[in-house]
Amino acid sequence: MAYFKYGPGKDTAQGTDVSALLDADALTLSPIIYEDFLPVSAAGIFQSNLGDEARSETQAASNRASFEAALGKSVADEFALYEAMQSDSLAAALDQLKVSAAGYGPPGSGR
C-alpha cells in the first residue's frame, strides 16, 4: 500500500485521465513517507536489547490505548491522514492544471 502527493508536471495537461496526465509529465507524484517514532511503536524497536523482565514491562506499556490515555486524546488514523493528503494534493494539482480527474489514483491503484 502506498500513498502519493501529486503536483503539476513540466508539460501541459492533455486530457483528464490521471494515468494519462502522469504518462505525459503533466502530473508528478512523490511517495508520502511514513515515519513513526511515537513511543507506541518505538518501544518495540528496542525490545531485543532489553532483558526478559524489562521486555515484558515494556510490552505491557507500549499499546495504543495506554499511550492515548497518557496523552489525553486519541491519535489520528495515519491512513485517513495520508488518504486526505493524497486527495488534497491531487485536487490542488488538477486545479493548477485546470482539469478535473477522470481516473483518480496512481497507476495500478484501481482508482
PDB file of N, CA and C in Angstrom:
ATOM      1  N   MET A   1       0.848  -1.154   0.000  1.00  0.00           N
ATOM      2  CA  MET A   1       0.000   0.000   0.000  1.00  0.00           C
ATOM      3  C   MET A   1       0.900   1.225   0.000  1.00  0.00           C
ATOM      4  N   ALA A   2       0.539   2.205  -0.823  1.00  0.00           N
ATOM      5  CA  ALA A   2       1.315   3.436  -0.892  1.00  0.00           C
ATOM      6  C   ALA A   2       0.387   4.621  -1.113  1.00  0.00           C
ATOM      7  N   TYR A   3       0.812   5.747  -0.592  1.00  0.00           N
ATOM      8  CA  TYR A   3       0.102   7.000  -0.799  1.00  0.00           C
ATOM      9  C   TYR A   3       1.076   7.984  -1.433  1.00  0.00           C
ATOM     10  N   PHE A   4       0.539   8.891  -2.255  1.00  0.00           N
ATOM     11  CA  PHE A   4       1.372   9.805  -3.015  1.00  0.00           C
ATOM     12  C   PHE A   4       0.878  11.231  -2.906  1.00  0.00           C
ATOM     13  N   LYS A   5       1.811  12.176  -3.094  1.00  0.00           N
ATOM     14  CA  LYS A   5       1.468  13.577  -3.262  1.00  0.00           C
ATOM     15  C   LYS A   5       1.589  13.883  -4.742  1.00  0.00           C
ATOM     16  N   TYR A   6       0.565  14.523  -5.274  1.00  0.00           N
ATOM     17  CA  TYR A   6       0.561  14.914  -6.675  1.00  0.00           C
ATOM     18  C   TYR A   6       1.021  16.356  -6.811  1.00  0.00           C
ATOM     19  N   GLY A   7       1.574  16.668  -7.954  1.00  0.00           N
ATOM     20  CA  GLY A   7       1.965  18.038  -8.260  1.00  0.00           C
ATOM     21  C   GLY A   7       1.902  18.252  -9.758  1.00  0.00           C
ATOM     22  N   PRO A   8       1.869  19.507 -10.189  1.00  0.00           N
ATOM     23  CA  PRO A   8       1.889  19.777 -11.623  1.00  0.00           C
ATOM     24  C   PRO A   8       3.256  19.393 -12.191  1.00  0.00           C
ATOM     25  N   GLY A   9       3.247  18.884 -13.394  1.00  0.00           N
ATOM     26  CA  GLY A   9       4.486  18.464 -14.036  1.00  0.00           C
ATOM     27  C   GLY A   9       5.057  19.532 -14.947  1.00  0.00           C
ATOM     28  N   LYS A  10       5.988  19.106 -15.801  1.00  0.00           N
ATOM     29  CA  LYS A  10       6.676  20.032 -16.700  1.00  0.00           C
ATOM     30  C   LYS A  10       5.849  20.368 -17.934  1.00  0.00           C
ATOM     31  N   ASP A  11       5.046  19.419 -18.373  1.00  0.00           N
ATOM     32  CA  ASP A  11       4.312  19.602 -19.623  1.00  0.00           C
ATOM     33  C   ASP A  11       2.886  20.070 -19.362  1.00  0.00           C
ATOM     34  N   THR A  12       2.234  20.515 -20.409  1.00  0.00           N
ATOM     35  CA  THR A  12       0.853  20.978 -20.281  1.00  0.00           C
ATOM     36  C   THR A  12      -0.095  19.791 -20.242  1.00  0.00           C
ATOM     37  N   ALA A  13      -1.240  20.001 -19.628  1.00  0.00           N
ATOM     38  CA  ALA A  13      -2.233  18.944 -19.469  1.00  0.00           C
ATOM     39  C   ALA A  13      -2.909  18.649 -20.792  1.00  0.00           C
ATOM     40  N   GLN A  14      -3.064  17.368 -21.057  1.00  0.00           N
ATOM     41  CA  GLN A  14      -3.798  16.918 -22.226  1.00  0.00           C
ATOM     42  C   GLN A  14      -4.712  15.795 -21.776  1.00  0.00           C
ATOM     43  N   GLY A  15      -6.002  16.079 -21.683  1.00  0.00           N
ATOM     44  CA  GLY A  15      -6.955  15.076 -21.236  1.00  0.00           C
ATOM     45  C   GLY A  15      -7.245  15.222 -19.758  1.00  0.00           C
ATOM     46  N   THR A  16      -8.053  14.274 -19.250  1.00  0.00           N
ATOM     47  CA  THR A  16      -8.451  14.341 -17.844  1.00  0.00           C
ATOM     48  C   THR A  16      -8.148  13.064 -17.078  1.00  0.00           C
ATOM     49  N   ASP A  17      -7.565  12.078 -17.718  1.00  0.00           N
ATOM     50  CA  ASP A  17      -7.249  10.820 -17.057  1.00  0.00           C
ATOM     51  C   ASP A  17      -5.943  10.974 -16.280  1.00  0.00           C
ATOM     52  N   VAL A  18      -5.968  10.658 -14.981  1.00  0.00           N
ATOM     53  CA  VAL A  18      -4.800  10.838 -14.130  1.00  0.00           C
ATOM     54  C   VAL A  18      -3.609  10.038 -14.649  1.00  0.00           C
ATOM     55  N   SER A  19      -3.824   8.799 -15.043  1.00  0.00           N
ATOM     56  CA  SER A  19      -2.727   7.984 -15.572  1.00  0.00           C
ATOM     57  C   SER A  19      -2.130   8.619 -16.821  1.00  0.00           C
ATOM     58  N   ALA A  20      -2.986   9.126 -17.708  1.00  0.00           N
ATOM     59  CA  ALA A  20      -2.503   9.778 -18.925  1.00  0.00           C
ATOM     60  C   ALA A  20      -1.740  11.061 -18.591  1.00  0.00           C
ATOM     61  N   LEU A  21      -2.225  11.813 -17.623  1.00  0.00           N
ATOM     62  CA  LEU A  21      -1.533  13.036 -17.218  1.00  0.00           C
ATOM     63  C   LEU A  21      -0.164  12.714 -16.620  1.00  0.00           C
ATOM     64  N   LEU A  22      -0.075  11.619 -15.863  1.00  0.00           N
ATOM     65  CA  LEU A  22       1.211  11.189 -15.321  1.00  0.00           C
ATOM     66  C   LEU A  22       2.147  10.759 -16.438  1.00  0.00           C
ATOM     67  N   ASP A  23       1.637   9.968 -17.384  1.00  0.00           N
ATOM     68  CA  ASP A  23       2.445   9.498 -18.512  1.00  0.00           C
ATOM     69  C   ASP A  23       2.952  10.654 -19.357  1.00  0.00           C
ATOM     70  N   ALA A  24       2.162  11.725 -19.466  1.00  0.00           N
ATOM     71  CA  ALA A  24       2.521  12.874 -20.292  1.00  0.00           C
ATOM     72  C   ALA A  24       3.366  13.898 -19.528  1.00  0.00           C
ATOM     73  N   ASP A  25       3.744  13.587 -18.290  1.00  0.00           N
ATOM     74  CA  ASP A  25       4.506  14.502 -17.434  1.00  0.00           C
ATOM     75  C   ASP A  25       3.772  15.808 -17.147  1.00  0.00           C
ATOM     76  N   ALA A  26       2.444  15.779 -17.221  1.00  0.00           N
ATOM     77  CA  ALA A  26       1.645  16.937 -16.829  1.00  0.00           C
ATOM     78  C   ALA A  26       1.394  16.893 -15.321  1.00  0.00           C
ATOM     79  N   LEU A  27       1.435  15.700 -14.759  1.00  0.00           N
ATOM     80  CA  LEU A  27       1.307  15.486 -13.317  1.00  0.00           C
ATOM     81  C   LEU A  27       2.534  14.735 -12.837  1.00  0.00           C
ATOM     82  N   THR A  28       2.939  15.019 -11.613  1.00  0.00           N
ATOM     83  CA  THR A  28       4.019  14.251 -10.983  1.00  0.00           C
ATOM     84  C   THR A  28       3.476  13.640  -9.703  1.00  0.00           C
ATOM     85  N   LEU A  29       4.152  12.632  -9.220  1.00  0.00           N
ATOM     86  CA  LEU A  29       3.811  12.119  -7.897  1.00  0.00           C
ATOM     87  C   LEU A  29       5.064  11.719  -7.163  1.00  0.00           C
ATOM     88  N   SER A  30       4.987  11.896  -5.861  1.00  0.00           N
ATOM     89  CA  SER A  30       6.080  11.501  -4.985  1.00  0.00           C
ATOM     90  C   SER A  30       5.460  10.775  -3.795  1.00  0.00           C
ATOM     91  N   PRO A  31       6.152   9.782  -3.283  1.00  0.00           N
ATOM     92  CA  PRO A  31       5.576   8.995  -2.189  1.00  0.00           C
ATOM     93  C   PRO A  31       5.473   9.801  -0.901  1.00  0.00           C
ATOM     94  N   ILE A  32       4.421   9.526  -0.156  1.00  0.00           N
ATOM     95  CA  ILE A  32       4.301  10.059   1.197  1.00  0.00           C
ATOM     96  C   ILE A  32       5.011   9.049   2.083  1.00  0.00           C
ATOM     97  N   ILE A  33       6.043   9.489   2.752  1.00  0.00           N
ATOM     98  CA  ILE A  33       6.875   8.605   3.566  1.00  0.00           C
ATOM     99  C   ILE A  33       6.278   8.495   4.965  1.00  0.00           C
ATOM    100  N   TYR A  34       6.072   7.270   5.406  1.00  0.00           N
ATOM    101  CA  TYR A  34       5.549   7.009   6.744  1.00  0.00           C
ATOM    102  C   TYR A  34       6.705   7.031   7.729  1.00  0.00           C
ATOM    103  N   GLU A  35       6.628   7.921   8.697  1.00  0.00           N
ATOM    104  CA  GLU A  35       7.635   7.988   9.747  1.00  0.00           C
ATOM    105  C   GLU A  35       6.919   7.959  11.083  1.00  0.00           C
ATOM    106  N   ASP A  36       7.180   6.936  11.858  1.00  0.00           N
ATOM    107  CA  ASP A  36       6.502   6.766  13.131  1.00  0.00           C
ATOM    108  C   ASP A  36       7.537   6.582  14.224  1.00  0.00           C
ATOM    109  N   PHE A  37       7.687   7.602  15.035  1.00  0.00           N
ATOM    110  CA  PHE A  37       8.608   7.498  16.146  1.00  0.00           C
ATOM    111  C   PHE A  37       7.895   7.721  17.468  1.00  0.00           C
ATOM    112  N   LEU A  38       6.604   7.415  17.493  1.00  0.00           N
ATOM    113  CA  LEU A  38       5.845   7.515  18.737  1.00  0.00           C
ATOM    114  C   LEU A  38       6.259   6.392  19.678  1.00  0.00           C
ATOM    115  N   PRO A  39       6.148   6.608  20.965  1.00  0.00           N
ATOM    116  CA  PRO A  39       6.523   5.568  21.919  1.00  0.00           C
ATOM    117  C   PRO A  39       5.791   4.243  21.706  1.00  0.00           C
ATOM    118  N   VAL A  40       4.592   4.300  21.130  1.00  0.00           N
ATOM    119  CA  VAL A  40       3.818   3.075  20.920  1.00  0.00           C
ATOM    120  C   VAL A  40       4.593   2.087  20.057  1.00  0.00           C
ATOM    121  N   SER A  41       5.169   2.546  18.960  1.00  0.00           N
ATOM    122  CA  SER A  41       5.899   1.628  18.091  1.00  0.00           C
ATOM    123  C   SER A  41       7.393   1.617  18.385  1.00  0.00           C
ATOM    124  N   ALA A  42       7.934   2.724  18.841  1.00  0.00           N
ATOM    125  CA  ALA A  42       9.369   2.790  19.104  1.00  0.00           C
ATOM    126  C   ALA A  42       9.785   1.827  20.208  1.00  0.00           C
ATOM    127  N   ALA A  43       8.896   1.603  21.160  1.00  0.00           N
ATOM    128  CA  ALA A  43       9.232   0.697  22.253  1.00  0.00           C
ATOM    129  C   ALA A  43       9.567  -0.694  21.729  1.00  0.00           C
ATOM    130  N   GLY A  44       8.842  -1.132  20.709  1.00  0.00           N
ATOM    131  CA  GLY A  44       9.087  -2.459  20.154  1.00  0.00           C
ATOM    132  C   GLY A  44      10.410  -2.575  19.432  1.00  0.00           C
ATOM    133  N   ILE A  45      10.910  -1.471  18.908  1.00  0.00           N
ATOM    134  CA  ILE A  45      12.165  -1.499  18.154  1.00  0.00           C
ATOM    135  C   ILE A  45      13.334  -1.916  19.034  1.00  0.00           C
ATOM    136  N   PHE A  46      13.318  -1.460  20.271  1.00  0.00           N
ATOM    137  CA  PHE A  46      14.460  -1.669  21.144  1.00  0.00           C
ATOM    138  C   PHE A  46      14.290  -2.836  22.119  1.00  0.00           C
ATOM    139  N   GLN A  47      13.199  -3.577  21.996  1.00  0.00           N
ATOM    140  CA  GLN A  47      12.944  -4.673  22.938  1.00  0.00           C
ATOM    141  C   GLN A  47      14.017  -5.748  22.897  1.00  0.00           C
ATOM    142  N   SER A  48      14.617  -5.952  21.743  1.00  0.00           N
ATOM    143  CA  SER A  48      15.621  -7.004  21.648  1.00  0.00           C
ATOM    144  C   SER A  48      16.866  -6.687  22.473  1.00  0.00           C
ATOM    145  N   ASN A  49      17.038  -5.411  22.838  1.00  0.00           N
ATOM    146  CA  ASN A  49      18.192  -5.019  23.640  1.00  0.00           C
ATOM    147  C   ASN A  49      17.927  -5.108  25.145  1.00  0.00           C
ATOM    148  N   LEU A  50      16.705  -5.425  25.514  1.00  0.00           N
ATOM    149  CA  LEU A  50      16.336  -5.464  26.926  1.00  0.00           C
ATOM    150  C   LEU A  50      16.342  -6.890  27.442  1.00  0.00           C
ATOM    151  N   GLY A  51      16.486  -7.029  28.740  1.00  0.00           N
ATOM    152  CA  GLY A  51      16.388  -8.352  29.357  1.00  0.00           C
ATOM    153  C   GLY A  51      14.943  -8.802  29.373  1.00  0.00           C
ATOM    154  N   ASP A  52      14.702 -10.074  29.715  1.00  0.00           N
ATOM    155  CA  ASP A  52      13.353 -10.632  29.710  1.00  0.00           C
ATOM    156  C   ASP A  52      12.390  -9.872  30.608  1.00  0.00           C
ATOM    157  N   GLU A  53      12.806  -9.507  31.816  1.00  0.00           N
ATOM    158  CA  GLU A  53      11.918  -8.809  32.746  1.00  0.00           C
ATOM    159  C   GLU A  53      11.559  -7.421  32.222  1.00  0.00           C
ATOM    160  N   ALA A  54      12.541  -6.682  31.753  1.00  0.00           N
ATOM    161  CA  ALA A  54      12.297  -5.340  31.212  1.00  0.00           C
ATOM    162  C   ALA A  54      11.440  -5.420  29.953  1.00  0.00           C
ATOM    163  N   ARG A  55      11.652  -6.455  29.141  1.00  0.00           N
ATOM    164  CA  ARG A  55      10.894  -6.608  27.908  1.00  0.00           C
ATOM    165  C   ARG A  55       9.409  -6.767  28.191  1.00  0.00           C
ATOM    166  N   SER A  56       9.039  -7.588  29.160  1.00  0.00           N
ATOM    167  CA  SER A  56       7.621  -7.796  29.448  1.00  0.00           C
ATOM    168  C   SER A  56       6.995  -6.534  30.021  1.00  0.00           C
ATOM    169  N   GLU A  57       7.742  -5.737  30.796  1.00  0.00           N
ATOM    170  CA  GLU A  57       7.219  -4.464  31.293  1.00  0.00           C
ATOM    171  C   GLU A  57       6.994  -3.490  30.140  1.00  0.00           C
ATOM    172  N   THR A  58       7.928  -3.457  29.199  1.00  0.00           N
ATOM    173  CA  THR A  58       7.808  -2.564  28.047  1.00  0.00           C
ATOM    174  C   THR A  58       6.629  -2.969  27.183  1.00  0.00           C
ATOM    175  N   GLN A  59       6.455  -4.259  26.962  1.00  0.00           N
ATOM    176  CA  GLN A  59       5.340  -4.728  26.147  1.00  0.00           C
ATOM    177  C   GLN A  59       4.011  -4.330  26.761  1.00  0.00           C
ATOM    178  N   ALA A  60       3.898  -4.412  28.054  1.00  0.00           N
ATOM    179  CA  ALA A  60       2.644  -4.058  28.720  1.00  0.00           C
ATOM    180  C   ALA A  60       2.363  -2.574  28.598  1.00  0.00           C
ATOM    181  N   ALA A  61       3.411  -1.748  28.508  1.00  0.00           N
ATOM    182  CA  ALA A  61       3.233  -0.298  28.488  1.00  0.00           C
ATOM    183  C   ALA A  61       3.203   0.283  27.076  1.00  0.00           C
ATOM    184  N   SER A  62       3.423  -0.529  26.047  1.00  0.00           N
ATOM    185  CA  SER A  62       3.577   0.033  24.715  1.00  0.00           C
ATOM    186  C   SER A  62       2.360  -0.207  23.822  1.00  0.00           C
ATOM    187  N   ASN A  63       1.152  -0.089  24.363  1.00  0.00           N
ATOM    188  CA  ASN A  63      -0.005  -0.245  23.500  1.00  0.00           C
ATOM    189  C   ASN A  63      -0.671   1.100  23.254  1.00  0.00           C
ATOM    190  N   ARG A  64      -1.418   1.167  22.196  1.00  0.00           N
ATOM    191  CA  ARG A  64      -2.029   2.426  21.758  1.00  0.00           C
ATOM    192  C   ARG A  64      -2.988   3.008  22.795  1.00  0.00           C
ATOM    193  N   ALA A  65      -3.805   2.165  23.404  1.00  0.00           N
ATOM    194  CA  ALA A  65      -4.778   2.654  24.379  1.00  0.00           C
ATOM    195  C   ALA A  65      -4.081   3.315  25.565  1.00  0.00           C
ATOM    196  N   SER A  66      -3.016   2.715  26.047  1.00  0.00           N
ATOM    197  CA  SER A  66      -2.271   3.305  27.159  1.00  0.00           C
ATOM    198  C   SER A  66      -1.625   4.617  26.745  1.00  0.00           C
ATOM    199  N   PHE A  67      -1.079   4.636  25.539  1.00  0.00           N
ATOM    200  CA  PHE A  67      -0.449   5.859  25.040  1.00  0.00           C
ATOM    201  C   PHE A  67      -1.474   6.983  24.926  1.00  0.00           C
ATOM    202  N   GLU A  68      -2.648   6.691  24.360  1.00  0.00           N
ATOM    203  CA  GLU A  68      -3.691   7.701  24.211  1.00  0.00           C
ATOM    204  C   GLU A  68      -4.201   8.177  25.570  1.00  0.00           C
ATOM    205  N   ALA A  69      -4.292   7.258  26.530  1.00  0.00           N
ATOM    206  CA  ALA A  69      -4.728   7.652  27.872  1.00  0.00           C
ATOM    207  C   ALA A  69      -3.711   8.601  28.499  1.00  0.00           C
ATOM    208  N   ALA A  70      -2.437   8.305  28.348  1.00  0.00           N
ATOM    209  CA  ALA A  70      -1.390   9.165  28.892  1.00  0.00           C
ATOM    210  C   ALA A  70      -1.338  10.508  28.171  1.00  0.00           C
ATOM    211  N   LEU A  71      -1.605  10.481  26.872  1.00  0.00           N
ATOM    212  CA  LEU A  71      -1.585  11.701  26.061  1.00  0.00           C
ATOM    213  C   LEU A  71      -2.793  12.585  26.353  1.00  0.00           C
ATOM    214  N   GLY A  72      -3.905  11.956  26.704  1.00  0.00           N
ATOM    215  CA  GLY A  72      -5.119  12.698  26.998  1.00  0.00           C
ATOM    216  C   GLY A  72      -6.004  12.925  25.799  1.00  0.00           C
ATOM    217  N   LYS A  73      -5.684  12.299  24.685  1.00  0.00           N
ATOM    218  CA  LYS A  73      -6.536  12.366  23.497  1.00  0.00           C
ATOM    219  C   LYS A  73      -6.148  11.257  22.530  1.00  0.00           C
ATOM    220  N   SER A  74      -7.009  11.033  21.556  1.00  0.00           N
ATOM    221  CA  SER A  74      -6.743   9.939  20.624  1.00  0.00           C
ATOM    222  C   SER A  74      -5.717  10.359  19.575  1.00  0.00           C
ATOM    223  N   VAL A  75      -5.065   9.364  19.025  1.00  0.00           N
ATOM    224  CA  VAL A  75      -4.064   9.558  17.983  1.00  0.00           C
ATOM    225  C   VAL A  75      -4.765   9.452  16.634  1.00  0.00           C
ATOM    226  N   ALA A  76      -4.388  10.300  15.700  1.00  0.00           N
ATOM    227  CA  ALA A  76      -5.004  10.313  14.372  1.00  0.00           C
ATOM    228  C   ALA A  76      -4.767   8.991  13.648  1.00  0.00           C
ATOM    229  N   ASP A  77      -5.721   8.609  12.831  1.00  0.00           N
ATOM    230  CA  ASP A  77      -5.587   7.433  11.964  1.00  0.00           C
ATOM    231  C   ASP A  77      -4.669   7.835  10.811  1.00  0.00           C
ATOM    232  N   GLU A  78      -3.471   7.272  10.783  1.00  0.00           N
ATOM    233  CA  GLU A  78      -2.492   7.678   9.775  1.00  0.00           C
ATOM    234  C   GLU A  78      -2.954   7.390   8.354  1.00  0.00           C
ATOM    235  N   PHE A  79      -3.723   6.325   8.159  1.00  0.00           N
ATOM    236  CA  PHE A  79      -4.174   6.010   6.804  1.00  0.00           C
ATOM    237  C   PHE A  79      -5.200   7.027   6.310  1.00  0.00           C
ATOM    238  N   ALA A  80      -6.082   7.477   7.183  1.00  0.00           N
ATOM    239  CA  ALA A  80      -7.034   8.528   6.813  1.00  0.00           C
ATOM    240  C   ALA A  80      -6.290   9.829   6.530  1.00  0.00           C
ATOM    241  N   LEU A  81      -5.262  10.113   7.306  1.00  0.00           N
ATOM    242  CA  LEU A  81      -4.453  11.313   7.103  1.00  0.00           C
ATOM    243  C   LEU A  81      -3.752  11.268   5.749  1.00  0.00           C
ATOM    244  N   TYR A  82      -3.139  10.139   5.412  1.00  0.00           N
ATOM    245  CA  TYR A  82      -2.433  10.010   4.138  1.00  0.00           C
ATOM    246  C   TYR A  82      -3.404  10.057   2.964  1.00  0.00           C
ATOM    247  N   GLU A  83      -4.564   9.448   3.110  1.00  0.00           N
ATOM    248  CA  GLU A  83      -5.584   9.493   2.059  1.00  0.00           C
ATOM    249  C   GLU A  83      -6.003  10.933   1.805  1.00  0.00           C
ATOM    250  N   ALA A  84      -6.213  11.697   2.867  1.00  0.00           N
ATOM    251  CA  ALA A  84      -6.600  13.109   2.726  1.00  0.00           C
ATOM    252  C   ALA A  84      -5.477  13.920   2.078  1.00  0.00           C
ATOM    253  N   MET A  85      -4.226  13.664   2.473  1.00  0.00           N
ATOM    254  CA  MET A  85      -3.092  14.371   1.868  1.00  0.00           C
ATOM    255  C   MET A  85      -3.013  14.076   0.377  1.00  0.00           C
ATOM    256  N   GLN A  86      -3.208  12.816   0.017  1.00  0.00           N
ATOM    257  CA  GLN A  86      -3.152  12.419  -1.392  1.00  0.00           C
ATOM    258  C   GLN A  86      -4.279  13.077  -2.181  1.00  0.00           C
ATOM    259  N   SER A  87      -5.484  13.000  -1.658  1.00  0.00           N
ATOM    260  CA  SER A  87      -6.647  13.574  -2.330  1.00  0.00           C
ATOM    261  C   SER A  87      -6.520  15.086  -2.477  1.00  0.00           C
ATOM    262  N   ASP A  88      -6.088  15.751  -1.403  1.00  0.00           N
ATOM    263  CA  ASP A  88      -5.925  17.209  -1.449  1.00  0.00           C
ATOM    264  C   ASP A  88      -4.849  17.621  -2.448  1.00  0.00           C
ATOM    265  N   SER A  89      -3.751  16.879  -2.494  1.00  0.00           N
ATOM    266  CA  SER A  89      -2.674  17.240  -3.422  1.00  0.00           C
ATOM    267  C   SER A  89      -3.105  17.022  -4.868  1.00  0.00           C
ATOM    268  N   LEU A  90      -3.889  15.976  -5.126  1.00  0.00           N
ATOM    269  CA  LEU A  90      -4.390  15.751  -6.484  1.00  0.00           C
ATOM    270  C   LEU A  90      -5.338  16.867  -6.890  1.00  0.00           C
ATOM    271  N   ALA A  91      -6.253  17.243  -6.001  1.00  0.00           N
ATOM    272  CA  ALA A  91      -7.197  18.320  -6.301  1.00  0.00           C
ATOM    273  C   ALA A  91      -6.456  19.627  -6.583  1.00  0.00           C
ATOM    274  N   ALA A  92      -5.435  19.932  -5.788  1.00  0.00           N
ATOM    275  CA  ALA A  92      -4.667  21.165  -5.981  1.00  0.00           C
ATOM    276  C   ALA A  92      -3.892  21.129  -7.296  1.00  0.00           C
ATOM    277  N   ALA A  93      -3.276  19.993  -7.613  1.00  0.00           N
ATOM    278  CA  ALA A  93      -2.509  19.877  -8.859  1.00  0.00           C
ATOM    279  C   ALA A  93      -3.426  19.991 -10.070  1.00  0.00           C
ATOM    280  N   LEU A  94      -4.585  19.324 -10.019  1.00  0.00           N
ATOM    281  CA  LEU A  94      -5.531  19.403 -11.133  1.00  0.00           C
ATOM    282  C   LEU A  94      -6.080  20.811 -11.278  1.00  0.00           C
ATOM    283  N   ASP A  95      -6.276  21.487 -10.161  1.00  0.00           N
ATOM    284  CA  ASP A  95      -6.738  22.870 -10.210  1.00  0.00           C
ATOM    285  C   ASP A  95      -5.700  23.750 -10.905  1.00  0.00           C
ATOM    286  N   GLN A  96      -4.432  23.529 -10.593  1.00  0.00           N
ATOM    287  CA  GLN A  96      -3.369  24.284 -11.246  1.00  0.00           C
ATOM    288  C   GLN A  96      -3.312  23.977 -12.743  1.00  0.00           C
ATOM    289  N   LEU A  97      -3.643  22.741 -13.088  1.00  0.00           N
ATOM    290  CA  LEU A  97      -3.638  22.341 -14.498  1.00  0.00           C
ATOM    291  C   LEU A  97      -4.948  22.696 -15.202  1.00  0.00           C
ATOM    292  N   LYS A  98      -5.943  23.121 -14.432  1.00  0.00           N
ATOM    293  CA  LYS A  98      -7.269  23.487 -14.960  1.00  0.00           C
ATOM    294  C   LYS A  98      -7.975  22.298 -15.598  1.00  0.00           C
ATOM    295  N   VAL A  99      -7.849  21.118 -14.960  1.00  0.00           N
ATOM    296  CA  VAL A  99      -8.553  19.921 -15.436  1.00  0.00           C
ATOM    297  C   VAL A  99      -9.221  19.245 -14.245  1.00  0.00           C
ATOM    298  N   SER A 100     -10.127  18.322 -14.533  1.00  0.00           N
ATOM    299  CA  SER A 100     -10.722  17.506 -13.474  1.00  0.00           C
ATOM    300  C   SER A 100     -10.387  16.052 -13.758  1.00  0.00           C
ATOM    301  N   ALA A 101     -10.293  15.264 -12.722  1.00  0.00           N
ATOM    302  CA  ALA A 101      -9.824  13.886 -12.851  1.00  0.00           C
ATOM    303  C   ALA A 101     -10.911  12.966 -13.354  1.00  0.00           C
ATOM    304  N   ALA A 102     -10.556  12.178 -14.368  1.00  0.00           N
ATOM    305  CA  ALA A 102     -11.447  11.129 -14.846  1.00  0.00           C
ATOM    306  C   ALA A 102     -11.099   9.818 -14.176  1.00  0.00           C
ATOM    307  N   GLY A 103      -9.845   9.588 -13.885  1.00  0.00           N
ATOM    308  CA  GLY A 103      -9.396   8.365 -13.234  1.00  0.00           C
ATOM    309  C   GLY A 103      -8.509   8.692 -12.070  1.00  0.00           C
ATOM    310  N   TYR A 104      -9.059   8.742 -10.874  1.00  0.00           N
ATOM    311  CA  TYR A 104      -8.306   9.130  -9.681  1.00  0.00           C
ATOM    312  C   TYR A 104      -7.406   8.009  -9.225  1.00  0.00           C
ATOM    313  N   GLY A 105      -6.179   8.347  -8.881  1.00  0.00           N
ATOM    314  CA  GLY A 105      -5.263   7.399  -8.276  1.00  0.00           C
ATOM    315  C   GLY A 105      -4.075   7.116  -9.146  1.00  0.00           C
ATOM    316  N   PRO A 106      -2.987   6.681  -8.537  1.00  0.00           N
ATOM    317  CA  PRO A 106      -1.780   6.370  -9.281  1.00  0.00           C
ATOM    318  C   PRO A 106      -1.979   5.110 -10.119  1.00  0.00           C
ATOM    319  N   PRO A 107      -1.166   4.929 -11.143  1.00  0.00           N
ATOM    320  CA  PRO A 107      -1.282   3.733 -11.976  1.00  0.00           C
ATOM    321  C   PRO A 107      -1.264   2.466 -11.137  1.00  0.00           C
ATOM    322  N   GLY A 108      -2.160   1.570 -11.423  1.00  0.00           N
ATOM    323  CA  GLY A 108      -2.214   0.297 -10.730  1.00  0.00           C
ATOM    324  C   GLY A 108      -2.943   0.335  -9.393  1.00  0.00           C
ATOM    325  N   SER A 109      -3.461   1.486  -9.009  1.00  0.00           N
ATOM    326  CA  SER A 109      -4.115   1.573  -7.704  1.00  0.00           C
ATOM    327  C   SER A 109      -5.566   1.116  -7.751  1.00  0.00           C
ATOM    328  N   GLY A 110      -6.115   0.981  -8.943  1.00  0.00           N
ATOM    329  CA  GLY A 110      -7.506   0.572  -9.063  1.00  0.00           C
ATOM    330  C   GLY A 110      -8.467   1.713  -8.850  1.00  0.00           C
ATOM    331  N   ARG A 111      -7.958   2.917  -8.774  1.00  0.00           N
ATOM    332  CA  ARG A 111      -8.829   4.091  -8.580  1.00  0.00           C
ATOM    333  C   ARG A 111      -8.733   4.992  -9.778  1.00  0.00           C
TER     334      ARG A 111
END
